[in-house]
PDB file of all heavy atoms in Angstrom:
ATOM      1  N   SER A   1      36.715   7.511  15.802  1.00  0.00           N
ATOM      2  CA  SER A   1      36.781   6.167  15.330  1.00  0.00           C
ATOM      3  C   SER A   1      37.298   5.953  13.939  1.00  0.00           C
ATOM      4  O   SER A   1      37.702   4.806  13.589  1.00  0.00           O
ATOM      5  CB  SER A   1      35.308   5.613  15.479  1.00  0.00           C
ATOM      6  OG  SER A   1      34.497   6.359  14.614  1.00  0.00           O
ATOM      7  N   VAL A   2      37.352   7.041  13.142  1.00  0.00           N
ATOM      8  CA  VAL A   2      37.819   6.969  11.757  1.00  0.00           C
ATOM      9  C   VAL A   2      39.076   7.683  11.469  1.00  0.00           C
ATOM     10  O   VAL A   2      39.605   7.563  10.278  1.00  0.00           O
ATOM     11  CB  VAL A   2      36.753   7.400  10.815  1.00  0.00           C
ATOM     12  CG1 VAL A   2      35.472   6.602  11.126  1.00  0.00           C
ATOM     13  CG2 VAL A   2      36.495   8.834  10.834  1.00  0.00           C
ATOM     14  N   LYS A   3      39.637   8.442  12.414  1.00  0.00           N
ATOM     15  CA  LYS A   3      40.795   9.184  12.229  1.00  0.00           C
ATOM     16  C   LYS A   3      41.990   8.285  11.826  1.00  0.00           C
ATOM     17  O   LYS A   3      42.158   7.279  12.476  1.00  0.00           O
ATOM     18  CB  LYS A   3      41.153   9.983  13.437  1.00  0.00           C
ATOM     19  CG  LYS A   3      40.408  11.184  13.688  1.00  0.00           C
ATOM     20  CD  LYS A   3      40.852  11.969  14.953  1.00  0.00           C
ATOM     21  CE  LYS A   3      40.057  13.189  15.170  1.00  0.00           C
ATOM     22  NZ  LYS A   3      40.388  13.939  16.351  1.00  0.00           N
ATOM     23  N   GLY A   4      42.682   8.738  10.864  1.00  0.00           N
ATOM     24  CA  GLY A   4      43.830   7.914  10.274  1.00  0.00           C
ATOM     25  C   GLY A   4      43.428   6.843   9.340  1.00  0.00           C
ATOM     26  O   GLY A   4      44.330   6.262   8.645  1.00  0.00           O
ATOM     27  N   ARG A   5      42.092   6.639   9.094  1.00  0.00           N
ATOM     28  CA  ARG A   5      41.680   5.618   8.206  1.00  0.00           C
ATOM     29  C   ARG A   5      40.862   6.267   7.020  1.00  0.00           C
ATOM     30  O   ARG A   5      40.971   5.709   5.908  1.00  0.00           O
ATOM     31  CB  ARG A   5      40.898   4.537   8.900  1.00  0.00           C
ATOM     32  CG  ARG A   5      41.689   3.729   9.951  1.00  0.00           C
ATOM     33  CD  ARG A   5      40.884   2.614  10.409  1.00  0.00           C
ATOM     34  NE  ARG A   5      39.595   2.928  11.067  1.00  0.00           N
ATOM     35  CZ  ARG A   5      38.418   2.571  10.610  1.00  0.00           C
ATOM     36  NH1 ARG A   5      38.286   1.813   9.605  1.00  0.00           N
ATOM     37  NH2 ARG A   5      37.347   3.001  11.312  1.00  0.00           N
ATOM     38  N   PHE A   6      40.051   7.247   7.387  1.00  0.00           N
ATOM     39  CA  PHE A   6      39.203   7.923   6.379  1.00  0.00           C
ATOM     40  C   PHE A   6      39.720   9.219   5.991  1.00  0.00           C
ATOM     41  O   PHE A   6      40.366  10.004   6.889  1.00  0.00           O
ATOM     42  CB  PHE A   6      37.816   8.087   6.941  1.00  0.00           C
ATOM     43  CG  PHE A   6      36.982   6.778   7.123  1.00  0.00           C
ATOM     44  CD1 PHE A   6      37.630   5.538   7.016  1.00  0.00           C
ATOM     45  CD2 PHE A   6      35.655   6.806   7.438  1.00  0.00           C
ATOM     46  CE1 PHE A   6      36.927   4.385   7.245  1.00  0.00           C
ATOM     47  CE2 PHE A   6      34.989   5.715   7.683  1.00  0.00           C
ATOM     48  CZ  PHE A   6      35.513   4.471   7.562  1.00  0.00           C
ATOM     49  N   THR A   7      39.467   9.642   4.768  1.00  0.00           N
ATOM     50  CA  THR A   7      39.865  10.986   4.378  1.00  0.00           C
ATOM     51  C   THR A   7      38.678  11.600   3.575  1.00  0.00           C
ATOM     52  O   THR A   7      38.233  11.028   2.580  1.00  0.00           O
ATOM     53  CB  THR A   7      41.027  11.003   3.453  1.00  0.00           C
ATOM     54  OG1 THR A   7      42.253  10.345   4.124  1.00  0.00           O
ATOM     55  CG2 THR A   7      41.485  12.321   2.955  1.00  0.00           C
ATOM     56  N   ILE A   8      38.341  12.774   3.991  1.00  0.00           N
ATOM     57  CA  ILE A   8      37.292  13.597   3.329  1.00  0.00           C
ATOM     58  C   ILE A   8      37.872  14.510   2.431  1.00  0.00           C
ATOM     59  O   ILE A   8      38.923  15.115   2.670  1.00  0.00           O
ATOM     60  CB  ILE A   8      36.224  14.179   4.366  1.00  0.00           C
ATOM     61  CG1 ILE A   8      35.008  14.666   3.571  1.00  0.00           C
ATOM     62  CG2 ILE A   8      36.974  15.257   5.129  1.00  0.00           C
ATOM     63  CD1 ILE A   8      33.925  14.990   4.529  1.00  0.00           C
ATOM     64  N   SER A   9      37.256  14.764   1.301  1.00  0.00           N
ATOM     65  CA  SER A   9      37.688  15.799   0.359  1.00  0.00           C
ATOM     66  C   SER A   9      36.514  16.376  -0.527  1.00  0.00           C
ATOM     67  O   SER A   9      35.396  15.746  -0.386  1.00  0.00           O
ATOM     68  CB  SER A   9      38.732  15.246  -0.621  1.00  0.00           C
ATOM     69  OG  SER A   9      38.236  14.139  -1.420  1.00  0.00           O
ATOM     70  N   GLN A  10      36.736  17.469  -1.003  1.00  0.00           N
ATOM     71  CA  GLN A  10      35.576  18.084  -1.708  1.00  0.00           C
ATOM     72  C   GLN A  10      36.061  18.806  -2.952  1.00  0.00           C
ATOM     73  O   GLN A  10      37.146  19.427  -2.989  1.00  0.00           O
ATOM     74  CB  GLN A  10      34.956  19.179  -0.769  1.00  0.00           C
ATOM     75  CG  GLN A  10      33.737  19.886  -1.392  1.00  0.00           C
ATOM     76  CD  GLN A  10      32.954  20.639  -0.356  1.00  0.00           C
ATOM     77  OE1 GLN A  10      31.854  20.463  -0.015  1.00  0.00           O
ATOM     78  NE2 GLN A  10      33.583  21.723   0.215  1.00  0.00           N
ATOM     79  N   ASP A  11      35.259  18.625  -4.037  1.00  0.00           N
ATOM     80  CA  ASP A  11      35.450  19.253  -5.273  1.00  0.00           C
ATOM     81  C   ASP A  11      34.432  20.325  -5.347  1.00  0.00           C
ATOM     82  O   ASP A  11      33.240  20.044  -5.762  1.00  0.00           O
ATOM     83  CB  ASP A  11      35.410  18.321  -6.459  1.00  0.00           C
ATOM     84  CG  ASP A  11      35.751  18.999  -7.835  1.00  0.00           C
ATOM     85  OD1 ASP A  11      35.620  20.125  -7.914  1.00  0.00           O
ATOM     86  OD2 ASP A  11      36.185  18.136  -8.694  1.00  0.00           O
ATOM     87  N   ASN A  12      34.783  21.574  -5.098  1.00  0.00           N
ATOM     88  CA  ASN A  12      33.749  22.693  -5.086  1.00  0.00           C
ATOM     89  C   ASN A  12      33.166  22.892  -6.462  1.00  0.00           C
ATOM     90  O   ASN A  12      31.948  23.220  -6.643  1.00  0.00           O
ATOM     91  CB  ASN A  12      34.293  23.927  -4.587  1.00  0.00           C
ATOM     92  CG  ASN A  12      34.484  23.880  -3.034  1.00  0.00           C
ATOM     93  OD1 ASN A  12      33.720  23.259  -2.330  1.00  0.00           O
ATOM     94  ND2 ASN A  12      35.522  24.585  -2.556  1.00  0.00           N
ATOM     95  N   ALA A  13      33.951  22.719  -7.507  1.00  0.00           N
ATOM     96  CA  ALA A  13      33.489  23.003  -8.905  1.00  0.00           C
ATOM     97  C   ALA A  13      32.418  21.915  -9.248  1.00  0.00           C
ATOM     98  O   ALA A  13      31.470  22.282  -9.965  1.00  0.00           O
ATOM     99  CB  ALA A  13      34.662  22.887  -9.919  1.00  0.00           C
ATOM    100  N   LYS A  14      32.581  20.685  -8.763  1.00  0.00           N
ATOM    101  CA  LYS A  14      31.670  19.637  -9.075  1.00  0.00           C
ATOM    102  C   LYS A  14      30.545  19.474  -7.971  1.00  0.00           C
ATOM    103  O   LYS A  14      29.736  18.736  -8.090  1.00  0.00           O
ATOM    104  CB  LYS A  14      32.346  18.294  -9.247  1.00  0.00           C
ATOM    105  CG  LYS A  14      33.345  18.265 -10.397  1.00  0.00           C
ATOM    106  CD  LYS A  14      34.010  16.910 -10.473  1.00  0.00           C
ATOM    107  CE  LYS A  14      34.960  16.781 -11.659  1.00  0.00           C
ATOM    108  NZ  LYS A  14      35.596  15.488 -11.815  1.00  0.00           N
ATOM    109  N   LYS A  15      30.728  20.336  -6.939  1.00  0.00           N
ATOM    110  CA  LYS A  15      29.763  20.226  -5.793  1.00  0.00           C
ATOM    111  C   LYS A  15      29.668  18.823  -5.286  1.00  0.00           C
ATOM    112  O   LYS A  15      28.479  18.328  -5.011  1.00  0.00           O
ATOM    113  CB  LYS A  15      28.401  20.818  -6.193  1.00  0.00           C
ATOM    114  CG  LYS A  15      28.443  22.212  -6.508  1.00  0.00           C
ATOM    115  CD  LYS A  15      27.052  22.775  -6.850  1.00  0.00           C
ATOM    116  CE  LYS A  15      26.487  22.154  -8.071  1.00  0.00           C
ATOM    117  NZ  LYS A  15      25.131  22.748  -8.440  1.00  0.00           N
ATOM    118  N   THR A  16      30.776  18.190  -5.112  1.00  0.00           N
ATOM    119  CA  THR A  16      30.796  16.776  -4.730  1.00  0.00           C
ATOM    120  C   THR A  16      31.824  16.580  -3.604  1.00  0.00           C
ATOM    121  O   THR A  16      32.859  17.184  -3.563  1.00  0.00           O
ATOM    122  CB  THR A  16      31.315  15.904  -5.864  1.00  0.00           C
ATOM    123  OG1 THR A  16      30.393  16.039  -7.013  1.00  0.00           O
ATOM    124  CG2 THR A  16      31.365  14.382  -5.506  1.00  0.00           C
ATOM    125  N   VAL A  17      31.434  15.817  -2.592  1.00  0.00           N
ATOM    126  CA  VAL A  17      32.263  15.480  -1.505  1.00  0.00           C
ATOM    127  C   VAL A  17      32.562  13.970  -1.627  1.00  0.00           C
ATOM    128  O   VAL A  17      31.671  13.161  -1.945  1.00  0.00           O
ATOM    129  CB  VAL A  17      31.553  15.824  -0.154  1.00  0.00           C
ATOM    130  CG1 VAL A  17      30.298  15.060   0.170  1.00  0.00           C
ATOM    131  CG2 VAL A  17      32.557  15.615   1.044  1.00  0.00           C
ATOM    132  N   TYR A  18      33.781  13.653  -1.161  1.00  0.00           N
ATOM    133  CA  TYR A  18      34.201  12.250  -1.178  1.00  0.00           C
ATOM    134  C   TYR A  18      34.633  11.818   0.171  1.00  0.00           C
ATOM    135  O   TYR A  18      34.998  12.537   1.023  1.00  0.00           O
ATOM    136  CB  TYR A  18      35.414  12.124  -2.173  1.00  0.00           C
ATOM    137  CG  TYR A  18      35.157  12.567  -3.495  1.00  0.00           C
ATOM    138  CD1 TYR A  18      35.485  13.890  -3.814  1.00  0.00           C
ATOM    139  CD2 TYR A  18      34.630  11.814  -4.500  1.00  0.00           C
ATOM    140  CE1 TYR A  18      35.222  14.363  -5.121  1.00  0.00           C
ATOM    141  CE2 TYR A  18      34.380  12.314  -5.770  1.00  0.00           C
ATOM    142  CZ  TYR A  18      34.765  13.562  -6.112  1.00  0.00           C
ATOM    143  OH  TYR A  18      34.499  14.071  -7.416  1.00  0.00           O
ATOM    144  N   LEU A  19      34.546  10.459   0.390  1.00  0.00           N
ATOM    145  CA  LEU A  19      34.996   9.819   1.647  1.00  0.00           C
ATOM    146  C   LEU A  19      35.823   8.679   1.184  1.00  0.00           C
ATOM    147  O   LEU A  19      35.294   7.596   0.816  1.00  0.00           O
ATOM    148  CB  LEU A  19      33.892   9.504   2.516  1.00  0.00           C
ATOM    149  CG  LEU A  19      34.352   9.026   3.990  1.00  0.00           C
ATOM    150  CD1 LEU A  19      35.011  10.122   4.745  1.00  0.00           C
ATOM    151  CD2 LEU A  19      33.120   8.463   4.671  1.00  0.00           C
ATOM    152  N   GLU A  20      37.127   8.751   1.296  1.00  0.00           N
ATOM    153  CA  GLU A  20      38.041   7.705   1.036  1.00  0.00           C
ATOM    154  C   GLU A  20      38.236   6.775   2.395  1.00  0.00           C
ATOM    155  O   GLU A  20      38.625   7.428   3.365  1.00  0.00           O
ATOM    156  CB  GLU A  20      39.385   8.101   0.556  1.00  0.00           C
ATOM    157  CG  GLU A  20      40.420   7.065   0.221  1.00  0.00           C
ATOM    158  CD  GLU A  20      40.090   6.360  -0.988  1.00  0.00           C
ATOM    159  OE1 GLU A  20      39.542   6.987  -1.956  1.00  0.00           O
ATOM    160  OE2 GLU A  20      40.285   5.143  -1.063  1.00  0.00           O
ATOM    161  N   MET A  21      37.820   5.611   2.335  1.00  0.00           N
ATOM    162  CA  MET A  21      37.782   4.753   3.475  1.00  0.00           C
ATOM    163  C   MET A  21      38.772   3.692   3.243  1.00  0.00           C
ATOM    164  O   MET A  21      38.692   2.833   2.314  1.00  0.00           O
ATOM    165  CB  MET A  21      36.364   4.164   3.708  1.00  0.00           C
ATOM    166  CG  MET A  21      35.350   5.258   3.880  1.00  0.00           C
ATOM    167  SD  MET A  21      33.718   4.640   4.349  1.00  0.00           S
ATOM    168  CE  MET A  21      33.380   3.521   2.848  1.00  0.00           C
ATOM    169  N   ASN A  22      39.769   3.587   4.184  1.00  0.00           N
ATOM    170  CA  ASN A  22      40.866   2.567   4.139  1.00  0.00           C
ATOM    171  C   ASN A  22      40.864   1.720   5.411  1.00  0.00           C
ATOM    172  O   ASN A  22      40.274   2.173   6.439  1.00  0.00           O
ATOM    173  CB  ASN A  22      42.199   3.150   3.908  1.00  0.00           C
ATOM    174  CG  ASN A  22      42.293   3.955   2.639  1.00  0.00           C
ATOM    175  OD1 ASN A  22      41.917   3.475   1.571  1.00  0.00           O
ATOM    176  ND2 ASN A  22      42.815   5.198   2.662  1.00  0.00           N
ATOM    177  N   SER A  23      41.540   0.615   5.384  1.00  0.00           N
ATOM    178  CA  SER A  23      41.559  -0.235   6.541  1.00  0.00           C
ATOM    179  C   SER A  23      40.235  -0.472   7.208  1.00  0.00           C
ATOM    180  O   SER A  23      40.067  -0.366   8.403  1.00  0.00           O
ATOM    181  CB  SER A  23      42.618   0.363   7.575  1.00  0.00           C
ATOM    182  OG  SER A  23      43.890   0.574   7.033  1.00  0.00           O
ATOM    183  N   LEU A  24      39.321  -0.771   6.376  1.00  0.00           N
ATOM    184  CA  LEU A  24      37.940  -0.920   6.826  1.00  0.00           C
ATOM    185  C   LEU A  24      37.811  -2.115   7.821  1.00  0.00           C
ATOM    186  O   LEU A  24      38.427  -3.127   7.666  1.00  0.00           O
ATOM    187  CB  LEU A  24      37.009  -1.162   5.621  1.00  0.00           C
ATOM    188  CG  LEU A  24      36.757   0.145   4.899  1.00  0.00           C
ATOM    189  CD1 LEU A  24      36.203  -0.094   3.501  1.00  0.00           C
ATOM    190  CD2 LEU A  24      35.790   1.110   5.641  1.00  0.00           C
ATOM    191  N   LYS A  25      36.895  -1.859   8.725  1.00  0.00           N
ATOM    192  CA  LYS A  25      36.653  -2.851   9.855  1.00  0.00           C
ATOM    193  C   LYS A  25      35.123  -3.215   9.776  1.00  0.00           C
ATOM    194  O   LYS A  25      34.299  -2.501   9.392  1.00  0.00           O
ATOM    195  CB  LYS A  25      36.955  -2.270  11.141  1.00  0.00           C
ATOM    196  CG  LYS A  25      38.396  -1.668  11.340  1.00  0.00           C
ATOM    197  CD  LYS A  25      38.520  -1.041  12.659  1.00  0.00           C
ATOM    198  CE  LYS A  25      39.911  -0.400  12.830  1.00  0.00           C
ATOM    199  NZ  LYS A  25      40.114   0.257  14.172  1.00  0.00           N
TER     200      LYS A  25
END
């Protein structure tokens, strides 16, 4: 349901994960 719209990424040094959400519905 989110493929092509959301992007997950991780900064291991900061121990932080992100979720970029585009074209939100």
